Amino acid sequence: MRDENISEFSAIQKWKKIPKEFRVKILANIYCVKCGISEMQTGYTIQELSHGDIVLNGKCKKCGGAVSRVVEGE
């Protein structure tokens, strides 16, 4: 079972280039406006921004609120 829904092929390629231990840390360090620092639930989407960064969109593991995390490109 996959942890993410693939929104864009190029975005998922960039995400998978990040070593797994860093991806885990990124997903475990999300800021939720409702409850503060939290983790992202599985089922998030990945999109590439026009300038090459990627953004993860999903839900907070604690409260279910909408959260996003930008991951800067090279």
PDB file of N, CA and C in Angstrom:
ATOM      1  N   MET A   1       0.837  -1.185   0.000  1.00  0.00           N
ATOM      2  CA  MET A   1       0.000   0.000   0.000  1.00  0.00           C
ATOM      3  C   MET A   1       0.879   1.244   0.000  1.00  0.00           C
ATOM      4  N   ARG A   2       0.535   2.217  -0.794  1.00  0.00           N
ATOM      5  CA  ARG A   2       1.302   3.454  -0.910  1.00  0.00           C
ATOM      6  C   ARG A   2       0.863   4.440   0.157  1.00  0.00           C
ATOM      7  N   ASP A   3       1.783   5.330   0.550  1.00  0.00           N
ATOM      8  CA  ASP A   3       1.485   6.354   1.533  1.00  0.00           C
ATOM      9  C   ASP A   3       0.982   7.644   0.916  1.00  0.00           C
ATOM     10  N   GLU A   4       1.041   7.767  -0.369  1.00  0.00           N
ATOM     11  CA  GLU A   4       0.661   9.028  -0.986  1.00  0.00           C
ATOM     12  C   GLU A   4      -0.166   8.780  -2.234  1.00  0.00           C
ATOM     13  N   ASN A   5      -0.958   9.777  -2.612  1.00  0.00           N
ATOM     14  CA  ASN A   5      -1.667   9.770  -3.879  1.00  0.00           C
ATOM     15  C   ASN A   5      -0.817  10.588  -4.834  1.00  0.00           C
ATOM     16  N   ILE A   6      -0.490  10.032  -5.976  1.00  0.00           N
ATOM     17  CA  ILE A   6       0.401  10.720  -6.907  1.00  0.00           C
ATOM     18  C   ILE A   6      -0.397  11.758  -7.676  1.00  0.00           C
ATOM     19  N   SER A   7      -0.038  13.029  -7.500  1.00  0.00           N
ATOM     20  CA  SER A   7      -0.692  14.115  -8.207  1.00  0.00           C
ATOM     21  C   SER A   7       0.018  14.409  -9.517  1.00  0.00           C
ATOM     22  N   GLU A   8       1.320  14.399  -9.489  1.00  0.00           N
ATOM     23  CA  GLU A   8       2.123  14.703 -10.664  1.00  0.00           C
ATOM     24  C   GLU A   8       3.340  13.785 -10.662  1.00  0.00           C
ATOM     25  N   PHE A   9       3.587  13.202 -11.815  1.00  0.00           N
ATOM     26  CA  PHE A   9       4.692  12.250 -11.915  1.00  0.00           C
ATOM     27  C   PHE A   9       6.036  12.896 -11.589  1.00  0.00           C
ATOM     28  N   SER A  10       6.277  14.104 -12.100  1.00  0.00           N
ATOM     29  CA  SER A  10       7.561  14.765 -11.841  1.00  0.00           C
ATOM     30  C   SER A  10       7.725  15.101 -10.362  1.00  0.00           C
ATOM     31  N   ALA A  11       6.634  15.436  -9.694  1.00  0.00           N
ATOM     32  CA  ALA A  11       6.694  15.748  -8.263  1.00  0.00           C
ATOM     33  C   ALA A  11       7.038  14.507  -7.448  1.00  0.00           C
ATOM     34  N   ILE A  12       6.441  13.378  -7.794  1.00  0.00           N
ATOM     35  CA  ILE A  12       6.732  12.157  -7.048  1.00  0.00           C
ATOM     36  C   ILE A  12       8.163  11.709  -7.307  1.00  0.00           C
ATOM     37  N   GLN A  13       8.690  11.945  -8.501  1.00  0.00           N
ATOM     38  CA  GLN A  13      10.087  11.613  -8.778  1.00  0.00           C
ATOM     39  C   GLN A  13      11.010  12.429  -7.878  1.00  0.00           C
ATOM     40  N   LYS A  14      10.735  13.722  -7.741  1.00  0.00           N
ATOM     41  CA  LYS A  14      11.556  14.572  -6.858  1.00  0.00           C
ATOM     42  C   LYS A  14      11.438  14.110  -5.413  1.00  0.00           C
ATOM     43  N   TRP A  15      10.235  13.775  -4.972  1.00  0.00           N
ATOM     44  CA  TRP A  15       9.994  13.323  -3.600  1.00  0.00           C
ATOM     45  C   TRP A  15      10.773  12.037  -3.329  1.00  0.00           C
ATOM     46  N   LYS A  16      10.759  11.114  -4.260  1.00  0.00           N
ATOM     47  CA  LYS A  16      11.442   9.829  -4.069  1.00  0.00           C
ATOM     48  C   LYS A  16      12.955   9.955  -4.135  1.00  0.00           C
ATOM     49  N   LYS A  17      13.486  11.044  -4.706  1.00  0.00           N
ATOM     50  CA  LYS A  17      14.930  11.274  -4.715  1.00  0.00           C
ATOM     51  C   LYS A  17      15.453  11.652  -3.327  1.00  0.00           C
ATOM     52  N   ILE A  18      14.570  12.138  -2.484  1.00  0.00           N
ATOM     53  CA  ILE A  18      14.947  12.489  -1.108  1.00  0.00           C
ATOM     54  C   ILE A  18      15.112  11.168  -0.343  1.00  0.00           C
ATOM     55  N   PRO A  19      16.221  10.988   0.367  1.00  0.00           N
ATOM     56  CA  PRO A  19      16.409   9.749   1.124  1.00  0.00           C
ATOM     57  C   PRO A  19      15.240   9.490   2.076  1.00  0.00           C
ATOM     58  N   LYS A  20      14.875   8.214   2.205  1.00  0.00           N
ATOM     59  CA  LYS A  20      13.695   7.829   2.988  1.00  0.00           C
ATOM     60  C   LYS A  20      13.717   8.381   4.411  1.00  0.00           C
ATOM     61  N   GLU A  21      14.880   8.360   5.062  1.00  0.00           N
ATOM     62  CA  GLU A  21      14.934   8.841   6.453  1.00  0.00           C
ATOM     63  C   GLU A  21      14.579  10.330   6.545  1.00  0.00           C
ATOM     64  N   PHE A  22      14.913  11.101   5.509  1.00  0.00           N
ATOM     65  CA  PHE A  22      14.552  12.521   5.494  1.00  0.00           C
ATOM     66  C   PHE A  22      13.079  12.720   5.173  1.00  0.00           C
ATOM     67  N   ARG A  23      12.534  11.875   4.268  1.00  0.00           N
ATOM     68  CA  ARG A  23      11.096  11.963   3.972  1.00  0.00           C
ATOM     69  C   ARG A  23      10.272  11.686   5.223  1.00  0.00           C
ATOM     70  N   VAL A  24      10.694  10.700   6.002  1.00  0.00           N
ATOM     71  CA  VAL A  24      10.000  10.367   7.248  1.00  0.00           C
ATOM     72  C   VAL A  24      10.032  11.562   8.202  1.00  0.00           C
ATOM     73  N   LYS A  25      11.191  12.207   8.308  1.00  0.00           N
ATOM     74  CA  LYS A  25      11.316  13.374   9.190  1.00  0.00           C
ATOM     75  C   LYS A  25      10.447  14.527   8.711  1.00  0.00           C
ATOM     76  N   ILE A  26      10.382  14.740   7.401  1.00  0.00           N
ATOM     77  CA  ILE A  26       9.546  15.812   6.854  1.00  0.00           C
ATOM     78  C   ILE A  26       8.082  15.563   7.197  1.00  0.00           C
ATOM     79  N   LEU A  27       7.612  14.343   7.000  1.00  0.00           N
ATOM     80  CA  LEU A  27       6.212  14.008   7.278  1.00  0.00           C
ATOM     81  C   LEU A  27       5.885  14.069   8.767  1.00  0.00           C
ATOM     82  N   ALA A  28       6.887  13.882   9.611  1.00  0.00           N
ATOM     83  CA  ALA A  28       6.681  13.920  11.061  1.00  0.00           C
ATOM     84  C   ALA A  28       6.837  15.321  11.632  1.00  0.00           C
ATOM     85  N   ASN A  29       7.097  16.307  10.779  1.00  0.00           N
ATOM     86  CA  ASN A  29       7.329  17.664  11.251  1.00  0.00           C
ATOM     87  C   ASN A  29       6.498  18.642  10.415  1.00  0.00           C
ATOM     88  N   ILE A  30       5.201  18.599  10.639  1.00  0.00           N
ATOM     89  CA  ILE A  30       4.248  19.433   9.916  1.00  0.00           C
ATOM     90  C   ILE A  30       3.636  20.410  10.910  1.00  0.00           C
ATOM     91  N   TYR A  31       3.429  21.656  10.489  1.00  0.00           N
ATOM     92  CA  TYR A  31       2.781  22.627  11.372  1.00  0.00           C
ATOM     93  C   TYR A  31       1.290  22.687  11.062  1.00  0.00           C
ATOM     94  N   CYS A  32       0.487  22.446  12.088  1.00  0.00           N
ATOM     95  CA  CYS A  32      -0.971  22.522  11.988  1.00  0.00           C
ATOM     96  C   CYS A  32      -1.425  23.779  12.731  1.00  0.00           C
ATOM     97  N   VAL A  33      -2.222  24.623  12.084  1.00  0.00           N
ATOM     98  CA  VAL A  33      -2.665  25.860  12.720  1.00  0.00           C
ATOM     99  C   VAL A  33      -3.611  25.583  13.892  1.00  0.00           C
ATOM    100  N   LYS A  34      -4.246  24.420  13.918  1.00  0.00           N
ATOM    101  CA  LYS A  34      -5.176  24.085  15.006  1.00  0.00           C
ATOM    102  C   LYS A  34      -4.472  23.534  16.240  1.00  0.00           C
ATOM    103  N   CYS A  35      -3.468  22.674  16.039  1.00  0.00           N
ATOM    104  CA  CYS A  35      -2.871  22.015  17.209  1.00  0.00           C
ATOM    105  C   CYS A  35      -1.350  22.116  17.280  1.00  0.00           C
ATOM    106  N   GLY A  36      -0.744  22.873  16.389  1.00  0.00           N
ATOM    107  CA  GLY A  36       0.703  23.068  16.438  1.00  0.00           C
ATOM    108  C   GLY A  36       1.452  22.014  15.639  1.00  0.00           C
ATOM    109  N   ILE A  37       2.644  21.704  16.082  1.00  0.00           N
ATOM    110  CA  ILE A  37       3.488  20.734  15.374  1.00  0.00           C
ATOM    111  C   ILE A  37       2.831  19.357  15.447  1.00  0.00           C
ATOM    112  N   SER A  38       2.777  18.688  14.316  1.00  0.00           N
ATOM    113  CA  SER A  38       2.120  17.390  14.238  1.00  0.00           C
ATOM    114  C   SER A  38       2.746  16.565  13.125  1.00  0.00           C
ATOM    115  N   GLU A  39       2.101  15.452  12.811  1.00  0.00           N
ATOM    116  CA  GLU A  39       2.494  14.598  11.699  1.00  0.00           C
ATOM    117  C   GLU A  39       1.411  14.655  10.629  1.00  0.00           C
ATOM    118  N   MET A  40       1.796  14.319   9.398  1.00  0.00           N
ATOM    119  CA  MET A  40       0.831  14.264   8.316  1.00  0.00           C
ATOM    120  C   MET A  40       0.278  12.843   8.213  1.00  0.00           C
ATOM    121  N   GLN A  41      -1.044  12.741   8.050  1.00  0.00           N
ATOM    122  CA  GLN A  41      -1.675  11.438   7.847  1.00  0.00           C
ATOM    123  C   GLN A  41      -1.256  10.870   6.495  1.00  0.00           C
ATOM    124  N   THR A  42      -1.367   9.569   6.347  1.00  0.00           N
ATOM    125  CA  THR A  42      -1.153   8.970   5.036  1.00  0.00           C
ATOM    126  C   THR A  42      -2.288   9.416   4.121  1.00  0.00           C
ATOM    127  N   GLY A  43      -2.074   9.315   2.834  1.00  0.00           N
ATOM    128  CA  GLY A  43      -3.086   9.737   1.876  1.00  0.00           C
ATOM    129  C   GLY A  43      -2.888  11.159   1.389  1.00  0.00           C
ATOM    130  N   TYR A  44      -1.717  11.714   1.600  1.00  0.00           N
ATOM    131  CA  TYR A  44      -1.420  13.080   1.151  1.00  0.00           C
ATOM    132  C   TYR A  44      -1.184  13.104  -0.349  1.00  0.00           C
ATOM    133  N   THR A  45      -1.261  14.298  -0.928  1.00  0.00           N
ATOM    134  CA  THR A  45      -0.970  14.465  -2.356  1.00  0.00           C
ATOM    135  C   THR A  45       0.328  15.241  -2.509  1.00  0.00           C
ATOM    136  N   ILE A  46       0.952  15.084  -3.645  1.00  0.00           N
ATOM    137  CA  ILE A  46       2.225  15.740  -3.944  1.00  0.00           C
ATOM    138  C   ILE A  46       2.070  16.490  -5.251  1.00  0.00           C
ATOM    139  N   GLN A  47       2.421  17.780  -5.230  1.00  0.00           N
ATOM    140  CA  GLN A  47       2.335  18.589  -6.440  1.00  0.00           C
ATOM    141  C   GLN A  47       3.623  19.380  -6.603  1.00  0.00           C
ATOM    142  N   GLU A  48       3.967  19.650  -7.844  1.00  0.00           N
ATOM    143  CA  GLU A  48       5.149  20.456  -8.129  1.00  0.00           C
ATOM    144  C   GLU A  48       4.726  21.898  -8.356  1.00  0.00           C
ATOM    145  N   LEU A  49       5.440  22.821  -7.719  1.00  0.00           N
ATOM    146  CA  LEU A  49       5.185  24.242  -7.916  1.00  0.00           C
ATOM    147  C   LEU A  49       5.924  24.721  -9.160  1.00  0.00           C
ATOM    148  N   SER A  50       5.530  25.861  -9.691  1.00  0.00           N
ATOM    149  CA  SER A  50       6.091  26.356 -10.952  1.00  0.00           C
ATOM    150  C   SER A  50       7.601  26.606 -10.886  1.00  0.00           C
ATOM    151  N   HIS A  51       8.145  26.887  -9.713  1.00  0.00           N
ATOM    152  CA  HIS A  51       9.573  27.171  -9.589  1.00  0.00           C
ATOM    153  C   HIS A  51      10.394  25.948  -9.165  1.00  0.00           C
ATOM    154  N   GLY A  52       9.792  24.755  -9.192  1.00  0.00           N
ATOM    155  CA  GLY A  52      10.548  23.531  -8.956  1.00  0.00           C
ATOM    156  C   GLY A  52      10.418  22.911  -7.584  1.00  0.00           C
ATOM    157  N   ASP A  53       9.894  23.642  -6.604  1.00  0.00           N
ATOM    158  CA  ASP A  53       9.674  23.056  -5.287  1.00  0.00           C
ATOM    159  C   ASP A  53       8.475  22.115  -5.365  1.00  0.00           C
ATOM    160  N   ILE A  54       8.321  21.261  -4.360  1.00  0.00           N
ATOM    161  CA  ILE A  54       7.129  20.429  -4.291  1.00  0.00           C
ATOM    162  C   ILE A  54       6.363  20.759  -3.022  1.00  0.00           C
ATOM    163  N   VAL A  55       5.071  20.499  -3.038  1.00  0.00           N
ATOM    164  CA  VAL A  55       4.236  20.744  -1.869  1.00  0.00           C
ATOM    165  C   VAL A  55       3.447  19.474  -1.565  1.00  0.00           C
ATOM    166  N   LEU A  56       3.425  19.129  -0.279  1.00  0.00           N
ATOM    167  CA  LEU A  56       2.648  17.999   0.208  1.00  0.00           C
ATOM    168  C   LEU A  56       1.377  18.565   0.826  1.00  0.00           C
ATOM    169  N   ASN A  57       0.235  18.087   0.398  1.00  0.00           N
ATOM    170  CA  ASN A  57      -1.052  18.523   0.947  1.00  0.00           C
ATOM    171  C   ASN A  57      -1.743  17.323   1.563  1.00  0.00           C
ATOM    172  N   GLY A  58      -2.202  17.489   2.799  1.00  0.00           N
ATOM    173  CA  GLY A  58      -2.863  16.373   3.468  1.00  0.00           C
ATOM    174  C   GLY A  58      -3.597  16.825   4.706  1.00  0.00           C
ATOM    175  N   LYS A  59      -3.670  15.911   5.672  1.00  0.00           N
ATOM    176  CA  LYS A  59      -4.392  16.176   6.918  1.00  0.00           C
ATOM    177  C   LYS A  59      -3.496  15.911   8.114  1.00  0.00           C
ATOM    178  N   CYS A  60      -3.713  16.699   9.153  1.00  0.00           N
ATOM    179  CA  CYS A  60      -2.990  16.544  10.413  1.00  0.00           C
ATOM    180  C   CYS A  60      -3.367  15.211  11.055  1.00  0.00           C
ATOM    181  N   LYS A  61      -2.375  14.502  11.549  1.00  0.00           N
ATOM    182  CA  LYS A  61      -2.610  13.205  12.183  1.00  0.00           C
ATOM    183  C   LYS A  61      -3.358  13.346  13.510  1.00  0.00           C
ATOM    184  N   LYS A  62      -3.203  14.491  14.196  1.00  0.00           N
ATOM    185  CA  LYS A  62      -3.856  14.693  15.490  1.00  0.00           C
ATOM    186  C   LYS A  62      -5.318  15.097  15.358  1.00  0.00           C
ATOM    187  N   CYS A  63      -5.578  16.147  14.555  1.00  0.00           N
ATOM    188  CA  CYS A  63      -6.934  16.715  14.529  1.00  0.00           C
ATOM    189  C   CYS A  63      -7.660  16.559  13.195  1.00  0.00           C
ATOM    190  N   GLY A  64      -6.955  16.142  12.151  1.00  0.00           N
ATOM    191  CA  GLY A  64      -7.586  15.973  10.852  1.00  0.00           C
ATOM    192  C   GLY A  64      -7.700  17.249  10.043  1.00  0.00           C
ATOM    193  N   GLY A  65      -7.150  18.354  10.553  1.00  0.00           N
ATOM    194  CA  GLY A  65      -7.190  19.623   9.839  1.00  0.00           C
ATOM    195  C   GLY A  65      -6.285  19.600   8.614  1.00  0.00           C
ATOM    196  N   ALA A  66      -6.564  20.472   7.665  1.00  0.00           N
ATOM    197  CA  ALA A  66      -5.767  20.553   6.445  1.00  0.00           C
ATOM    198  C   ALA A  66      -4.386  21.113   6.754  1.00  0.00           C
ATOM    199  N   VAL A  67      -3.352  20.460   6.222  1.00  0.00           N
ATOM    200  CA  VAL A  67      -1.969  20.907   6.382  1.00  0.00           C
ATOM    201  C   VAL A  67      -1.240  20.804   5.053  1.00  0.00           C
ATOM    202  N   SER A  68      -0.211  21.619   4.899  1.00  0.00           N
ATOM    203  CA  SER A  68       0.641  21.596   3.718  1.00  0.00           C
ATOM    204  C   SER A  68       2.088  21.746   4.155  1.00  0.00           C
ATOM    205  N   ARG A  69       2.969  21.191   3.356  1.00  0.00           N
ATOM    206  CA  ARG A  69       4.399  21.325   3.639  1.00  0.00           C
ATOM    207  C   ARG A  69       5.125  21.509   2.322  1.00  0.00           C
ATOM    208  N   VAL A  70       5.862  22.607   2.204  1.00  0.00           N
ATOM    209  CA  VAL A  70       6.656  22.869   1.020  1.00  0.00           C
ATOM    210  C   VAL A  70       8.029  22.243   1.223  1.00  0.00           C
ATOM    211  N   VAL A  71       8.510  21.544   0.212  1.00  0.00           N
ATOM    212  CA  VAL A  71       9.836  20.958   0.233  1.00  0.00           C
ATOM    213  C   VAL A  71      10.605  21.644  -0.892  1.00  0.00           C
ATOM    214  N   GLU A  72      11.627  22.381  -0.514  1.00  0.00           N
ATOM    215  CA  GLU A  72      12.381  23.152  -1.495  1.00  0.00           C
ATOM    216  C   GLU A  72      13.192  22.249  -2.403  1.00  0.00           C
ATOM    217  N   GLY A  73      13.269  22.636  -3.666  1.00  0.00           N
ATOM    218  CA  GLY A  73      14.040  21.880  -4.645  1.00  0.00           C
ATOM    219  C   GLY A  73      15.524  22.127  -4.468  1.00  0.00           C
ATOM    220  N   GLU A  74      16.268  21.661  -5.432  1.00  0.00           N
ATOM    221  CA  GLU A  74      17.720  21.794  -5.372  1.00  0.00           C
ATOM    222  C   GLU A  74      18.091  23.209  -5.411  1.00  0.00           C
TER     223      GLU A  74
END
